[in-house]
């Protein structure tokens, strides 16, 4: 799965995990004083994650981190229909539900 984790309103991490993106968020949050949020999860491979990194290269900071720009936000909005994990906001915290597979996105 390809996950998108935001840190505040300035940064976004694009990563790949085989099983549990929520656990990955918790691991990253442990070492970070700023609030992080799992913005989106898509079905995908490590190779597809790299293609997304290349798409976002003009906004690259280091590693898997990018500046969260309007262009990236627009792209995420386009991919929203392919999202396989969504957040349901409740008071004081979010709960996550798995959505059915919505389709296959072509990265090329």
Protein backbone atom coordinates (compact mmCIF):
# COMPACT_ATOMS: atom_id res chain seq x y z
CA UNK A 1 0.00 0.00 0.00
CA UNK A 2 1.12 3.52 -0.73
CA UNK A 3 0.52 5.96 2.11
CA UNK A 4 0.56 9.73 2.31
CA UNK A 5 1.29 11.20 5.74
CA UNK A 6 1.10 14.92 6.35
CA UNK A 7 3.00 16.83 8.99
CA UNK A 8 1.13 20.03 9.67
CA UNK A 9 0.20 21.92 6.52
CA UNK A 10 3.69 22.11 5.03
CA UNK A 11 5.04 18.60 4.51
CA UNK A 12 3.93 15.24 3.15
CA UNK A 13 5.61 11.82 3.23
CA UNK A 14 4.96 9.31 0.46
CA UNK A 15 5.83 5.77 1.46
CA UNK A 16 5.12 2.10 0.87
CA UNK A 17 4.15 -0.50 3.43
CA UNK A 18 3.06 -4.10 2.91
CA UNK A 19 0.48 -4.34 5.67
CA UNK A 20 -0.51 -1.59 8.12
CA UNK A 21 -0.16 2.11 7.25
CA UNK A 22 -1.77 3.15 10.56
CA UNK A 23 1.00 1.34 12.44
CA UNK A 24 3.56 3.13 10.24
CA UNK A 25 1.96 6.46 11.18
CA UNK A 26 2.20 5.61 14.87
CA UNK A 27 5.88 4.68 14.49
CA UNK A 28 6.67 7.98 12.76
CA UNK A 29 4.59 9.99 15.25
CA UNK A 30 6.57 8.59 18.18
CA UNK A 31 9.70 10.41 17.04
CA UNK A 32 8.01 13.61 15.92
CA UNK A 33 6.71 16.43 18.14
CA UNK A 34 4.39 17.78 15.42
CA UNK A 35 0.99 16.21 14.78
CA UNK A 36 1.02 13.88 11.79
CA UNK A 37 -2.01 12.61 9.87
CA UNK A 38 -2.52 9.70 7.52
CA UNK A 39 -4.06 11.62 4.62
CA UNK A 40 -4.60 8.79 2.14
CA UNK A 41 -3.79 5.16 1.40
CA UNK A 42 -3.83 3.65 -2.08
CA UNK A 43 -3.34 0.09 -3.26
CA UNK A 44 0.02 -0.03 -4.97
CA UNK A 45 3.51 -1.47 -5.16
CA UNK A 46 6.91 -0.17 -4.14
CA UNK A 47 7.58 0.51 -7.82
CA UNK A 48 4.45 2.65 -8.08
CA UNK A 49 5.51 4.53 -4.96
CA UNK A 50 8.78 5.41 -6.72
CA UNK A 51 6.82 6.70 -9.72
CA UNK A 52 4.90 9.01 -7.39
CA UNK A 53 8.21 10.18 -5.90
CA UNK A 54 9.34 11.06 -9.42
CA UNK A 55 6.08 12.93 -10.11
CA UNK A 56 6.57 14.98 -6.95
CA UNK A 57 10.34 15.51 -7.44
CA UNK A 58 10.05 19.30 -7.99
CA UNK A 59 8.79 19.51 -4.37
CA UNK A 60 11.31 17.08 -2.85
CA UNK A 61 12.94 17.90 0.49
CA UNK A 62 14.81 14.70 1.35
CA UNK A 63 14.13 10.99 1.49
CA UNK A 64 10.39 10.41 1.14
CA UNK A 65 9.43 13.93 2.28
CA UNK A 66 8.01 16.65 0.03
CA UNK A 67 6.65 20.16 0.45
CA UNK A 68 2.84 19.93 0.51
CA UNK A 69 1.96 22.21 -2.39
CA UNK A 70 -1.29 23.02 -4.14
CA UNK A 71 -0.17 20.83 -7.01
CA UNK A 72 0.28 17.82 -4.73
CA UNK A 73 -3.04 18.51 -3.01
CA UNK A 74 -4.73 18.62 -6.44
CA UNK A 75 -3.17 15.28 -7.39
CA UNK A 76 -4.31 13.68 -4.13
CA UNK A 77 -7.84 14.95 -4.79
CA UNK A 78 -7.75 13.24 -8.21
CA UNK A 79 -6.71 9.97 -6.57
CA UNK A 80 -9.37 10.17 -3.83
CA UNK A 81 -11.67 7.73 -5.64
CA UNK A 82 -8.90 5.08 -5.44
CA UNK A 83 -8.42 5.55 -1.70
CA UNK A 84 -8.64 2.24 0.20
CA UNK A 85 -8.51 3.65 3.73
CA UNK A 86 -10.45 6.64 5.03
CA UNK A 87 -10.53 8.59 8.25
CA UNK A 88 -13.74 9.12 10.18
CA UNK A 89 -13.23 12.06 12.51
CA UNK A 90 -14.60 11.74 16.01
CA UNK A 91 -14.06 14.05 18.96
CA UNK A 92 -10.37 14.07 19.94
CA UNK A 93 -9.25 11.43 17.42
CA UNK A 94 -9.80 9.79 14.07
CA UNK A 95 -11.00 6.27 13.42
CA UNK A 96 -10.08 4.40 10.26
CA UNK A 97 -12.22 2.21 8.07
CA UNK A 98 -11.16 0.12 5.11
CA UNK A 99 -13.04 0.89 1.93
CA UNK A 100 -13.64 -1.58 -0.87
CA UNK A 101 -11.25 -1.54 -3.78
CA UNK A 102 -12.42 1.32 -5.98
CA UNK A 103 -10.43 0.64 -9.11
CA UNK A 104 -6.93 0.49 -10.47
CA UNK A 105 -5.01 3.67 -11.18
CA UNK A 106 -2.46 3.74 -13.98
CA UNK A 107 0.64 5.57 -12.75
CA UNK A 108 2.25 6.03 -16.16
